[in-house]
Amino acid sequence: MPQGGEVLTTRVGLQIPAGLNFDTWERAGRTLAGIVDSSAWWLGDWLVYGKDNYADRYERGIRAAGLKYQTLRNYAWVSRRFEFGRRRSRLSFQHHAEVASLTVDQQECWLDSAEQGNWTTKQLRSAIQRARENEPSGKEPSHVTRRLEVPDNRFRRWHKAAERSGIDFEKWVTTTLDHAAERTLEDLKALADRPEAGV
């Protein structure tokens, strides 16, 4: 066991000495929380770099590191949405994730509020939700963010198709869906316009 009141980290857990005083225990918690929060940014940036520089090999690098792309996907998305200079060190990665789907101006506004009010991520989420509920209705928003649950094997297949097409994944998805929607609507219109047989 650790001596002298030190908390030691190991690959499989913490070694905490008996009789550890509260201040040391609390300081260790703050340090651990900082590492966890920073690691989300680190992994996100690592994945973005790999995708940008090793498009044909970065999935192999992820597997070799023992990581799952599904787990890292959100980290990479948030990292792309916030270039290094716009990240707030006083706020957590999760604060940034809460506003990542918004415009840059909206992101800055909400992060300012969270920083000034010392909000938790839950308080930030609630404030955004209240603001959305108070928006005047009747006008369709120009940009809507929705989550779509997709099995991992299907996601990998789509991702591979986008890479082979040389198109950014999100653009490939929207282009493919737009094309499918257009074809479907055209087919339905042609079917509706076709005269009934025998008339």
N, C-alpha and C. Protein backbone atom coordinates (compact mmCIF):
# COMPACT_ATOMS: atom_id res chain seq x y z
N MET A 1 0.85 -1.20 0.00
CA MET A 1 0.00 0.00 0.00
C MET A 1 0.88 1.25 0.00
N PRO A 2 0.33 2.39 -0.55
CA PRO A 2 1.11 3.61 -0.60
C PRO A 2 1.45 4.12 0.79
N GLN A 3 2.61 4.72 0.90
CA GLN A 3 3.07 5.26 2.17
C GLN A 3 2.96 6.79 2.16
N GLY A 4 2.94 7.37 3.35
CA GLY A 4 3.04 8.83 3.47
C GLY A 4 1.84 9.59 2.97
N GLY A 5 0.68 8.98 2.93
CA GLY A 5 -0.52 9.74 2.55
C GLY A 5 -0.65 10.03 1.07
N GLU A 6 0.04 9.27 0.22
CA GLU A 6 -0.06 9.49 -1.23
C GLU A 6 -1.10 8.56 -1.85
N VAL A 7 -1.84 9.10 -2.83
CA VAL A 7 -2.75 8.28 -3.63
C VAL A 7 -1.98 7.90 -4.89
N LEU A 8 -1.86 6.62 -5.16
CA LEU A 8 -1.11 6.15 -6.33
C LEU A 8 -2.06 5.59 -7.38
N THR A 9 -1.79 5.95 -8.63
CA THR A 9 -2.60 5.41 -9.73
C THR A 9 -1.91 4.18 -10.29
N THR A 10 -2.71 3.17 -10.63
CA THR A 10 -2.20 1.99 -11.33
C THR A 10 -3.12 1.75 -12.52
N ARG A 11 -2.75 0.85 -13.37
CA ARG A 11 -3.57 0.57 -14.56
C ARG A 11 -4.94 0.03 -14.19
N VAL A 12 -5.05 -0.61 -13.05
CA VAL A 12 -6.33 -1.23 -12.68
C VAL A 12 -7.03 -0.56 -11.50
N GLY A 13 -6.52 0.56 -11.03
CA GLY A 13 -7.22 1.25 -9.95
C GLY A 13 -6.33 2.20 -9.17
N LEU A 14 -6.90 2.74 -8.10
CA LEU A 14 -6.17 3.64 -7.21
C LEU A 14 -5.75 2.88 -5.96
N GLN A 15 -4.58 3.20 -5.47
CA GLN A 15 -4.15 2.69 -4.18
C GLN A 15 -4.23 3.88 -3.22
N ILE A 16 -5.16 3.78 -2.27
CA ILE A 16 -5.42 4.87 -1.34
C ILE A 16 -5.01 4.41 0.06
N PRO A 17 -4.13 5.15 0.71
CA PRO A 17 -3.67 4.72 2.04
C PRO A 17 -4.78 4.86 3.09
N ALA A 18 -4.73 4.02 4.09
CA ALA A 18 -5.68 4.12 5.20
C ALA A 18 -5.42 5.44 5.93
N GLY A 19 -6.49 6.05 6.39
CA GLY A 19 -6.35 7.28 7.17
C GLY A 19 -6.04 8.51 6.34
N LEU A 20 -6.29 8.46 5.03
CA LEU A 20 -6.04 9.63 4.17
C LEU A 20 -6.91 10.79 4.62
N ASN A 21 -6.31 11.98 4.76
CA ASN A 21 -7.12 13.12 5.23
C ASN A 21 -8.01 13.64 4.10
N PHE A 22 -9.07 14.34 4.49
CA PHE A 22 -10.08 14.78 3.54
C PHE A 22 -9.51 15.69 2.45
N ASP A 23 -8.66 16.64 2.83
CA ASP A 23 -8.11 17.59 1.85
C ASP A 23 -7.33 16.87 0.75
N THR A 24 -6.53 15.87 1.14
CA THR A 24 -5.76 15.11 0.15
C THR A 24 -6.70 14.28 -0.74
N TRP A 25 -7.71 13.67 -0.12
CA TRP A 25 -8.69 12.89 -0.89
C TRP A 25 -9.42 13.79 -1.89
N GLU A 26 -9.83 14.99 -1.45
CA GLU A 26 -10.54 15.93 -2.33
C GLU A 26 -9.63 16.40 -3.47
N ARG A 27 -8.37 16.71 -3.17
CA ARG A 27 -7.41 17.16 -4.18
C ARG A 27 -7.20 16.07 -5.23
N ALA A 28 -7.10 14.81 -4.77
CA ALA A 28 -6.95 13.69 -5.70
C ALA A 28 -8.15 13.59 -6.63
N GLY A 29 -9.35 13.81 -6.10
CA GLY A 29 -10.56 13.78 -6.94
C GLY A 29 -10.55 14.85 -8.00
N ARG A 30 -10.12 16.05 -7.63
CA ARG A 30 -10.05 17.14 -8.61
C ARG A 30 -9.03 16.81 -9.71
N THR A 31 -7.90 16.25 -9.31
CA THR A 31 -6.88 15.87 -10.28
C THR A 31 -7.40 14.80 -11.24
N LEU A 32 -8.07 13.78 -10.69
CA LEU A 32 -8.61 12.71 -11.53
C LEU A 32 -9.68 13.24 -12.48
N ALA A 33 -10.56 14.12 -11.99
CA ALA A 33 -11.60 14.69 -12.85
C ALA A 33 -10.97 15.48 -13.99
N GLY A 34 -9.90 16.21 -13.70
CA GLY A 34 -9.21 16.96 -14.75
C GLY A 34 -8.60 16.06 -15.80
N ILE A 35 -8.05 14.93 -15.36
CA ILE A 35 -7.46 13.98 -16.31
C ILE A 35 -8.54 13.39 -17.21
N VAL A 36 -9.66 12.97 -16.60
CA VAL A 36 -10.76 12.39 -17.37
C VAL A 36 -11.27 13.39 -18.40
N ASP A 37 -11.48 14.63 -17.98
CA ASP A 37 -12.00 15.65 -18.89
C ASP A 37 -11.01 15.95 -20.01
N SER A 38 -9.74 16.10 -19.65
CA SER A 38 -8.73 16.37 -20.67
C SER A 38 -8.58 15.21 -21.64
N SER A 39 -8.74 13.99 -21.15
CA SER A 39 -8.54 12.83 -22.02
C SER A 39 -9.59 12.79 -23.13
N ALA A 40 -10.79 13.32 -22.88
CA ALA A 40 -11.80 13.37 -23.95
C ALA A 40 -11.31 14.27 -25.08
N TRP A 41 -10.74 15.43 -24.74
CA TRP A 41 -10.17 16.32 -25.76
C TRP A 41 -8.99 15.64 -26.45
N TRP A 42 -8.10 15.02 -25.65
CA TRP A 42 -6.92 14.38 -26.22
C TRP A 42 -7.30 13.31 -27.23
N LEU A 43 -8.24 12.45 -26.85
CA LEU A 43 -8.65 11.38 -27.75
C LEU A 43 -9.35 11.93 -28.98
N GLY A 44 -10.19 12.95 -28.79
CA GLY A 44 -10.87 13.57 -29.92
C GLY A 44 -9.88 14.16 -30.91
N ASP A 45 -8.90 14.90 -30.41
CA ASP A 45 -7.89 15.51 -31.28
C ASP A 45 -7.04 14.44 -31.97
N TRP A 46 -6.73 13.37 -31.23
CA TRP A 46 -5.94 12.28 -31.79
C TRP A 46 -6.68 11.64 -32.97
N LEU A 47 -7.99 11.42 -32.79
CA LEU A 47 -8.78 10.79 -33.84
C LEU A 47 -8.93 11.71 -35.05
N VAL A 48 -9.18 13.00 -34.81
CA VAL A 48 -9.30 13.97 -35.92
C VAL A 48 -8.01 14.01 -36.72
N TYR A 49 -6.87 14.06 -36.03
CA TYR A 49 -5.58 14.08 -36.72
C TYR A 49 -5.41 12.82 -37.57
N GLY A 50 -5.74 11.67 -36.98
CA GLY A 50 -5.60 10.42 -37.71
C GLY A 50 -6.47 10.37 -38.95
N LYS A 51 -7.71 10.86 -38.80
CA LYS A 51 -8.63 10.84 -39.94
C LYS A 51 -8.15 11.79 -41.04
N ASP A 52 -7.62 12.95 -40.64
CA ASP A 52 -7.17 13.94 -41.62
C ASP A 52 -5.87 13.53 -42.31
N ASN A 53 -5.02 12.78 -41.61
CA ASN A 53 -3.70 12.48 -42.15
C ASN A 53 -3.49 11.04 -42.59
N TYR A 54 -4.29 10.12 -42.07
CA TYR A 54 -4.11 8.71 -42.41
C TYR A 54 -5.47 8.09 -42.75
N ALA A 55 -6.20 8.69 -43.65
CA ALA A 55 -7.57 8.26 -43.94
C ALA A 55 -7.65 6.78 -44.26
N ASP A 56 -6.62 6.25 -44.91
CA ASP A 56 -6.66 4.84 -45.31
C ASP A 56 -6.22 3.89 -44.20
N ARG A 57 -5.62 4.44 -43.12
CA ARG A 57 -5.05 3.57 -42.09
C ARG A 57 -5.50 3.88 -40.67
N TYR A 58 -6.23 4.97 -40.47
CA TYR A 58 -6.46 5.39 -39.09
C TYR A 58 -7.35 4.42 -38.31
N GLU A 59 -8.26 3.71 -38.98
CA GLU A 59 -9.07 2.72 -38.26
C GLU A 59 -8.20 1.60 -37.72
N ARG A 60 -7.16 1.23 -38.47
CA ARG A 60 -6.21 0.23 -37.99
C ARG A 60 -5.48 0.75 -36.75
N GLY A 61 -5.14 2.04 -36.75
CA GLY A 61 -4.48 2.66 -35.60
C GLY A 61 -5.38 2.65 -34.37
N ILE A 62 -6.67 2.88 -34.58
CA ILE A 62 -7.63 2.86 -33.47
C ILE A 62 -7.70 1.47 -32.86
N ARG A 63 -7.78 0.45 -33.74
CA ARG A 63 -7.85 -0.93 -33.25
C ARG A 63 -6.56 -1.31 -32.52
N ALA A 64 -5.42 -0.89 -33.08
CA ALA A 64 -4.13 -1.21 -32.47
C ALA A 64 -4.00 -0.58 -31.08
N ALA A 65 -4.64 0.58 -30.91
CA ALA A 65 -4.61 1.26 -29.60
C ALA A 65 -5.62 0.64 -28.64
N GLY A 66 -6.43 -0.31 -29.13
CA GLY A 66 -7.41 -0.97 -28.26
C GLY A 66 -8.65 -0.13 -28.02
N LEU A 67 -8.94 0.78 -28.94
CA LEU A 67 -10.09 1.68 -28.79
C LEU A 67 -11.16 1.34 -29.80
N LYS A 68 -12.39 1.70 -29.49
CA LYS A 68 -13.50 1.48 -30.42
C LYS A 68 -13.93 2.82 -31.00
N TYR A 69 -14.06 2.87 -32.33
CA TYR A 69 -14.42 4.11 -32.99
C TYR A 69 -15.74 4.65 -32.47
N GLN A 70 -16.67 3.76 -32.19
CA GLN A 70 -17.99 4.18 -31.70
C GLN A 70 -17.84 5.04 -30.45
N THR A 71 -16.93 4.63 -29.57
CA THR A 71 -16.70 5.35 -28.33
C THR A 71 -16.09 6.72 -28.59
N LEU A 72 -15.21 6.80 -29.58
CA LEU A 72 -14.47 8.03 -29.84
C LEU A 72 -15.21 9.01 -30.75
N ARG A 73 -16.24 8.54 -31.43
CA ARG A 73 -16.90 9.35 -32.44
C ARG A 73 -17.38 10.69 -31.87
N ASN A 74 -17.99 10.68 -30.71
CA ASN A 74 -18.47 11.91 -30.11
C ASN A 74 -17.31 12.83 -29.73
N TYR A 75 -16.22 12.25 -29.20
CA TYR A 75 -15.06 13.06 -28.86
C TYR A 75 -14.52 13.79 -30.09
N ALA A 76 -14.41 13.06 -31.20
CA ALA A 76 -13.88 13.66 -32.43
C ALA A 76 -14.81 14.74 -32.95
N TRP A 77 -16.11 14.50 -32.89
CA TRP A 77 -17.08 15.47 -33.40
C TRP A 77 -16.99 16.77 -32.61
N VAL A 78 -16.93 16.69 -31.29
CA VAL A 78 -16.83 17.89 -30.45
C VAL A 78 -15.50 18.59 -30.70
N SER A 79 -14.42 17.82 -30.81
CA SER A 79 -13.10 18.41 -31.07
C SER A 79 -13.09 19.18 -32.38
N ARG A 80 -13.74 18.64 -33.41
CA ARG A 80 -13.81 19.35 -34.69
C ARG A 80 -14.62 20.64 -34.58
N ARG A 81 -15.65 20.63 -33.76
CA ARG A 81 -16.53 21.80 -33.62
C ARG A 81 -15.87 22.95 -32.86
N PHE A 82 -14.81 22.63 -32.08
CA PHE A 82 -14.13 23.66 -31.29
C PHE A 82 -12.64 23.62 -31.56
N GLU A 83 -12.17 24.56 -32.41
CA GLU A 83 -10.73 24.63 -32.59
C GLU A 83 -10.08 25.01 -31.25
N PHE A 84 -8.83 24.71 -31.13
CA PHE A 84 -8.13 24.79 -29.85
C PHE A 84 -8.33 26.13 -29.13
N GLY A 85 -8.25 27.22 -29.85
CA GLY A 85 -8.34 28.54 -29.24
C GLY A 85 -9.71 28.89 -28.68
N ARG A 86 -10.75 28.14 -29.04
CA ARG A 86 -12.11 28.44 -28.57
C ARG A 86 -12.52 27.57 -27.37
N ARG A 87 -11.67 26.68 -26.97
CA ARG A 87 -12.00 25.79 -25.86
C ARG A 87 -11.80 26.52 -24.53
N ARG A 88 -12.74 26.34 -23.63
CA ARG A 88 -12.69 27.03 -22.33
C ARG A 88 -12.13 26.08 -21.27
N SER A 89 -10.98 26.41 -20.74
CA SER A 89 -10.35 25.53 -19.75
C SER A 89 -11.13 25.49 -18.43
N ARG A 90 -11.94 26.52 -18.18
CA ARG A 90 -12.73 26.53 -16.94
C ARG A 90 -14.00 25.70 -17.06
N LEU A 91 -14.33 25.25 -18.27
CA LEU A 91 -15.51 24.42 -18.49
C LEU A 91 -15.07 23.02 -18.93
N SER A 92 -15.93 22.06 -18.68
CA SER A 92 -15.59 20.67 -19.02
C SER A 92 -15.82 20.39 -20.50
N PHE A 93 -15.27 19.26 -20.92
CA PHE A 93 -15.54 18.77 -22.28
C PHE A 93 -17.04 18.64 -22.50
N GLN A 94 -17.74 18.15 -21.47
CA GLN A 94 -19.17 17.92 -21.59
C GLN A 94 -19.94 19.23 -21.78
N HIS A 95 -19.49 20.34 -21.17
CA HIS A 95 -20.10 21.64 -21.43
C HIS A 95 -20.03 21.95 -22.92
N HIS A 96 -18.87 21.72 -23.51
CA HIS A 96 -18.69 21.99 -24.94
C HIS A 96 -19.57 21.06 -25.78
N ALA A 97 -19.67 19.80 -25.35
CA ALA A 97 -20.50 18.84 -26.09
C ALA A 97 -21.97 19.28 -26.09
N GLU A 98 -22.42 19.89 -25.01
CA GLU A 98 -23.82 20.33 -24.91
C GLU A 98 -24.17 21.36 -25.97
N VAL A 99 -23.20 22.17 -26.39
CA VAL A 99 -23.49 23.26 -27.34
C VAL A 99 -22.87 23.01 -28.72
N ALA A 100 -22.25 21.86 -28.91
CA ALA A 100 -21.49 21.60 -30.14
C ALA A 100 -22.35 21.67 -31.40
N SER A 101 -23.62 21.35 -31.32
CA SER A 101 -24.48 21.33 -32.51
C SER A 101 -24.98 22.73 -32.89
N LEU A 102 -24.71 23.74 -32.06
CA LEU A 102 -25.19 25.10 -32.31
C LEU A 102 -24.23 25.86 -33.21
N THR A 103 -24.65 27.04 -33.65
CA THR A 103 -23.76 27.89 -34.44
C THR A 103 -22.64 28.41 -33.54
N VAL A 104 -21.58 28.89 -34.13
CA VAL A 104 -20.44 29.40 -33.36
C VAL A 104 -20.88 30.52 -32.42
N ASP A 105 -21.69 31.46 -32.92
CA ASP A 105 -22.16 32.57 -32.08
C ASP A 105 -22.97 32.05 -30.89
N GLN A 106 -23.84 31.08 -31.13
CA GLN A 106 -24.64 30.51 -30.05
C GLN A 106 -23.75 29.76 -29.05
N GLN A 107 -22.78 29.03 -29.57
CA GLN A 107 -21.84 28.33 -28.70
C GLN A 107 -21.15 29.31 -27.75
N GLU A 108 -20.63 30.39 -28.33
CA GLU A 108 -19.90 31.37 -27.53
C GLU A 108 -20.80 31.99 -26.46
N CYS A 109 -22.02 32.30 -26.84
CA CYS A 109 -22.97 32.92 -25.92
C CYS A 109 -23.27 31.99 -24.74
N TRP A 110 -23.57 30.72 -25.04
CA TRP A 110 -23.91 29.77 -23.98
C TRP A 110 -22.70 29.44 -23.11
N LEU A 111 -21.53 29.33 -23.72
CA LEU A 111 -20.33 29.04 -22.92
C LEU A 111 -19.98 30.22 -22.02
N ASP A 112 -20.18 31.45 -22.54
CA ASP A 112 -20.00 32.64 -21.69
C ASP A 112 -20.90 32.57 -20.47
N SER A 113 -22.18 32.26 -20.70
CA SER A 113 -23.15 32.17 -19.60
C SER A 113 -22.75 31.09 -18.60
N ALA A 114 -22.34 29.94 -19.11
CA ALA A 114 -21.96 28.84 -18.23
C ALA A 114 -20.73 29.20 -17.40
N GLU A 115 -19.79 29.89 -18.04
CA GLU A 115 -18.58 30.29 -17.34
C GLU A 115 -18.89 31.33 -16.26
N GLN A 116 -19.66 32.35 -16.64
CA GLN A 116 -19.98 33.43 -15.69
C GLN A 116 -20.86 32.93 -14.54
N GLY A 117 -21.79 32.02 -14.85
CA GLY A 117 -22.69 31.51 -13.82
C GLY A 117 -22.16 30.30 -13.08
N ASN A 118 -20.95 29.83 -13.49
CA ASN A 118 -20.38 28.63 -12.90
C ASN A 118 -21.37 27.46 -12.95
N TRP A 119 -22.01 27.29 -14.13
CA TRP A 119 -23.04 26.28 -14.31
C TRP A 119 -22.43 24.89 -14.43
N THR A 120 -23.18 23.90 -13.94
CA THR A 120 -22.87 22.50 -14.23
C THR A 120 -23.38 22.22 -15.66
N THR A 121 -23.01 21.05 -16.19
CA THR A 121 -23.51 20.71 -17.53
C THR A 121 -25.03 20.56 -17.50
N LYS A 122 -25.56 20.06 -16.39
CA LYS A 122 -27.01 19.91 -16.27
C LYS A 122 -27.70 21.27 -16.29
N GLN A 123 -27.13 22.26 -15.61
CA GLN A 123 -27.71 23.60 -15.61
C GLN A 123 -27.65 24.22 -17.01
N LEU A 124 -26.55 23.99 -17.71
CA LEU A 124 -26.42 24.50 -19.09
C LEU A 124 -27.46 23.86 -19.99
N ARG A 125 -27.61 22.53 -19.90
CA ARG A 125 -28.60 21.82 -20.71
C ARG A 125 -30.01 22.34 -20.43
N SER A 126 -30.33 22.54 -19.17
CA SER A 126 -31.66 23.04 -18.78
C SER A 126 -31.91 24.44 -19.33
N ALA A 127 -30.89 25.31 -19.26
CA ALA A 127 -31.03 26.68 -19.76
C ALA A 127 -31.27 26.68 -21.27
N ILE A 128 -30.55 25.83 -21.99
CA ILE A 128 -30.73 25.73 -23.45
C ILE A 128 -32.14 25.23 -23.76
N GLN A 129 -32.58 24.21 -23.00
CA GLN A 129 -33.92 23.66 -23.21
C GLN A 129 -35.00 24.70 -22.96
N ARG A 130 -34.86 25.47 -21.88
CA ARG A 130 -35.84 26.53 -21.58
C ARG A 130 -35.87 27.58 -22.70
N ALA A 131 -34.69 27.93 -23.22
CA ALA A 131 -34.63 28.92 -24.30
C ALA A 131 -35.33 28.39 -25.55
N ARG A 132 -35.16 27.12 -25.84
CA ARG A 132 -35.82 26.52 -27.01
C ARG A 132 -37.34 26.51 -26.84
N GLU A 133 -37.78 26.20 -25.62
CA GLU A 133 -39.22 26.16 -25.36
C GLU A 133 -39.85 27.55 -25.47
N ASN A 134 -39.08 28.58 -25.21
CA ASN A 134 -39.59 29.95 -25.27
C ASN A 134 -39.44 30.60 -26.64
N GLU A 135 -38.82 29.88 -27.60
CA GLU A 135 -38.70 30.41 -28.96
C GLU A 135 -40.08 30.51 -29.59
N PRO A 136 -40.33 31.58 -30.36
CA PRO A 136 -41.63 31.67 -31.04
C PRO A 136 -41.81 30.52 -32.02
N SER A 137 -43.00 29.90 -31.98
CA SER A 137 -43.26 28.77 -32.87
C SER A 137 -43.81 29.27 -34.19
N GLY A 138 -44.06 28.34 -35.09
CA GLY A 138 -44.63 28.69 -36.39
C GLY A 138 -43.58 28.80 -37.47
N LYS A 139 -42.32 28.87 -37.08
CA LYS A 139 -41.26 28.95 -38.08
C LYS A 139 -40.36 27.74 -37.92
N GLU A 140 -40.17 27.04 -38.99
CA GLU A 140 -39.32 25.85 -38.96
C GLU A 140 -37.86 26.29 -38.83
N PRO A 141 -37.10 25.75 -37.86
CA PRO A 141 -35.70 26.14 -37.74
C PRO A 141 -34.92 25.75 -38.99
N SER A 142 -33.93 26.56 -39.33
CA SER A 142 -33.17 26.30 -40.55
C SER A 142 -32.24 25.11 -40.40
N HIS A 143 -31.88 24.79 -39.17
CA HIS A 143 -30.96 23.67 -38.94
C HIS A 143 -31.43 22.90 -37.71
N VAL A 144 -31.74 21.64 -37.88
CA VAL A 144 -32.23 20.81 -36.78
C VAL A 144 -31.23 19.68 -36.56
N THR A 145 -30.86 19.46 -35.31
CA THR A 145 -29.95 18.36 -34.98
C THR A 145 -30.76 17.22 -34.37
N ARG A 146 -30.60 16.03 -34.92
CA ARG A 146 -31.27 14.85 -34.41
C ARG A 146 -30.23 13.75 -34.23
N ARG A 147 -30.46 12.88 -33.28
CA ARG A 147 -29.59 11.72 -33.09
C ARG A 147 -30.25 10.50 -33.73
N LEU A 148 -29.46 9.71 -34.41
CA LEU A 148 -29.93 8.51 -35.06
C LEU A 148 -29.09 7.34 -34.56
N GLU A 149 -29.73 6.37 -33.92
CA GLU A 149 -29.02 5.19 -33.44
C GLU A 149 -28.77 4.26 -34.63
N VAL A 150 -27.51 3.94 -34.87
CA VAL A 150 -27.13 3.10 -36.00
C VAL A 150 -26.24 1.97 -35.50
N PRO A 151 -26.54 0.71 -35.86
CA PRO A 151 -25.65 -0.39 -35.45
C PRO A 151 -24.23 -0.15 -35.94
N ASP A 152 -23.26 -0.56 -35.14
CA ASP A 152 -21.85 -0.29 -35.42
C ASP A 152 -21.42 -0.84 -36.78
N ASN A 153 -21.88 -2.05 -37.15
CA ASN A 153 -21.45 -2.64 -38.42
C ASN A 153 -21.98 -1.83 -39.61
N ARG A 154 -23.18 -1.31 -39.47
CA ARG A 154 -23.74 -0.49 -40.55
C ARG A 154 -22.99 0.84 -40.65
N PHE A 155 -22.68 1.43 -39.50
CA PHE A 155 -21.94 2.69 -39.48
C PHE A 155 -20.59 2.52 -40.16
N ARG A 156 -19.88 1.42 -39.83
CA ARG A 156 -18.57 1.18 -40.45
C ARG A 156 -18.69 1.03 -41.96
N ARG A 157 -19.75 0.35 -42.40
CA ARG A 157 -19.95 0.16 -43.85
C ARG A 157 -20.17 1.50 -44.55
N TRP A 158 -21.01 2.35 -43.95
CA TRP A 158 -21.26 3.67 -44.52
C TRP A 158 -19.98 4.50 -44.54
N HIS A 159 -19.24 4.40 -43.45
CA HIS A 159 -18.01 5.18 -43.33
C HIS A 159 -17.02 4.78 -44.42
N LYS A 160 -16.90 3.45 -44.66
CA LYS A 160 -16.01 2.95 -45.70
C LYS A 160 -16.44 3.44 -47.08
N ALA A 161 -17.76 3.44 -47.32
CA ALA A 161 -18.26 3.93 -48.61
C ALA A 161 -17.93 5.40 -48.80
N ALA A 162 -18.08 6.19 -47.75
CA ALA A 162 -17.76 7.62 -47.83
C ALA A 162 -16.28 7.83 -48.12
N GLU A 163 -15.42 7.07 -47.43
CA GLU A 163 -13.97 7.19 -47.64
C GLU A 163 -13.59 6.83 -49.07
N ARG A 164 -14.18 5.74 -49.57
CA ARG A 164 -13.85 5.31 -50.94
C ARG A 164 -14.36 6.29 -51.98
N SER A 165 -15.42 7.03 -51.61
CA SER A 165 -15.94 8.06 -52.52
C SER A 165 -15.13 9.34 -52.42
N GLY A 166 -14.27 9.42 -51.40
CA GLY A 166 -13.47 10.63 -51.21
C GLY A 166 -14.28 11.81 -50.70
N ILE A 167 -15.37 11.52 -49.97
CA ILE A 167 -16.26 12.56 -49.47
C ILE A 167 -16.29 12.51 -47.96
N ASP A 168 -16.34 13.68 -47.32
CA ASP A 168 -16.50 13.75 -45.87
C ASP A 168 -17.73 12.94 -45.46
N PHE A 169 -17.63 12.21 -44.35
CA PHE A 169 -18.70 11.28 -43.95
C PHE A 169 -20.06 11.95 -43.81
N GLU A 170 -20.12 13.07 -43.08
CA GLU A 170 -21.41 13.74 -42.87
C GLU A 170 -22.00 14.21 -44.19
N LYS A 171 -21.15 14.73 -45.08
CA LYS A 171 -21.64 15.16 -46.40
C LYS A 171 -22.14 13.97 -47.21
N TRP A 172 -21.41 12.85 -47.12
CA TRP A 172 -21.82 11.65 -47.84
C TRP A 172 -23.20 11.19 -47.38
N VAL A 173 -23.42 11.18 -46.06
CA VAL A 173 -24.71 10.75 -45.51
C VAL A 173 -25.83 11.65 -46.01
N THR A 174 -25.65 12.98 -45.88
CA THR A 174 -26.73 13.89 -46.28
C THR A 174 -26.97 13.83 -47.79
N THR A 175 -25.89 13.74 -48.57
CA THR A 175 -26.05 13.66 -50.03
C THR A 175 -26.79 12.38 -50.42
N THR A 176 -26.41 11.26 -49.82
CA THR A 176 -27.04 9.98 -50.13
C THR A 176 -28.52 10.00 -49.75
N LEU A 177 -28.82 10.53 -48.57
CA LEU A 177 -30.22 10.59 -48.13
C LEU A 177 -31.04 11.55 -49.00
N ASP A 178 -30.45 12.69 -49.35
CA ASP A 178 -31.15 13.64 -50.23
C ASP A 178 -31.47 13.00 -51.57
N HIS A 179 -30.49 12.27 -52.11
CA HIS A 179 -30.69 11.60 -53.41
C HIS A 179 -31.79 10.55 -53.31
N ALA A 180 -31.77 9.76 -52.23
CA ALA A 180 -32.80 8.72 -52.05
C ALA A 180 -34.18 9.36 -51.87
N ALA A 181 -34.26 10.45 -51.12
CA ALA A 181 -35.55 11.13 -50.92
C ALA A 181 -36.08 11.68 -52.23
N GLU A 182 -35.19 12.28 -53.01
CA GLU A 182 -35.61 12.85 -54.30
C GLU A 182 -36.15 11.77 -55.23
N ARG A 183 -35.43 10.62 -55.30
CA ARG A 183 -35.89 9.50 -56.14
C ARG A 183 -37.24 8.99 -55.69
N THR A 184 -37.41 8.84 -54.37
CA THR A 184 -38.67 8.33 -53.83
C THR A 184 -39.82 9.26 -54.15
N LEU A 185 -39.60 10.57 -53.95
CA LEU A 185 -40.66 11.54 -54.23
C LEU A 185 -41.01 11.57 -55.72
N GLU A 186 -39.99 11.46 -56.58
CA GLU A 186 -40.24 11.43 -58.02
C GLU A 186 -41.04 10.19 -58.40
N ASP A 187 -40.68 9.03 -57.83
CA ASP A 187 -41.39 7.78 -58.10
C ASP A 187 -42.85 7.87 -57.66
N LEU A 188 -43.07 8.44 -56.47
CA LEU A 188 -44.43 8.57 -55.96
C LEU A 188 -45.26 9.53 -56.83
N LYS A 189 -44.62 10.61 -57.28
CA LYS A 189 -45.32 11.57 -58.14
C LYS A 189 -45.67 10.92 -59.48
N ALA A 190 -44.72 10.16 -60.05
CA ALA A 190 -44.98 9.48 -61.33
C ALA A 190 -46.11 8.47 -61.18
N LEU A 191 -46.13 7.78 -60.05
CA LEU A 191 -47.18 6.81 -59.79
C LEU A 191 -48.53 7.50 -59.67
N ALA A 192 -48.56 8.64 -58.99
CA ALA A 192 -49.82 9.38 -58.80
C ALA A 192 -50.31 9.97 -60.11
N ASP A 193 -49.38 10.37 -60.99
CA ASP A 193 -49.75 11.00 -62.27
C ASP A 193 -50.14 9.98 -63.34
N ARG A 194 -49.79 8.70 -63.14
CA ARG A 194 -50.05 7.70 -64.14
C ARG A 194 -51.55 7.39 -64.22
N PRO A 195 -52.13 7.38 -65.43
CA PRO A 195 -53.55 7.06 -65.56
C PRO A 195 -53.82 5.61 -65.17
N GLU A 196 -54.97 5.40 -64.58
CA GLU A 196 -55.35 4.06 -64.18
C GLU A 196 -55.43 3.15 -65.39
N ALA A 197 -54.97 1.90 -65.25
CA ALA A 197 -55.01 0.94 -66.36
C ALA A 197 -56.45 0.65 -66.76
N GLY A 198 -56.73 0.67 -68.07
CA GLY A 198 -58.04 0.32 -68.58
C GLY A 198 -59.01 1.49 -68.59
N VAL A 199 -58.56 2.71 -68.28
CA VAL A 199 -59.48 3.86 -68.26
C VAL A 199 -59.40 4.55 -69.60
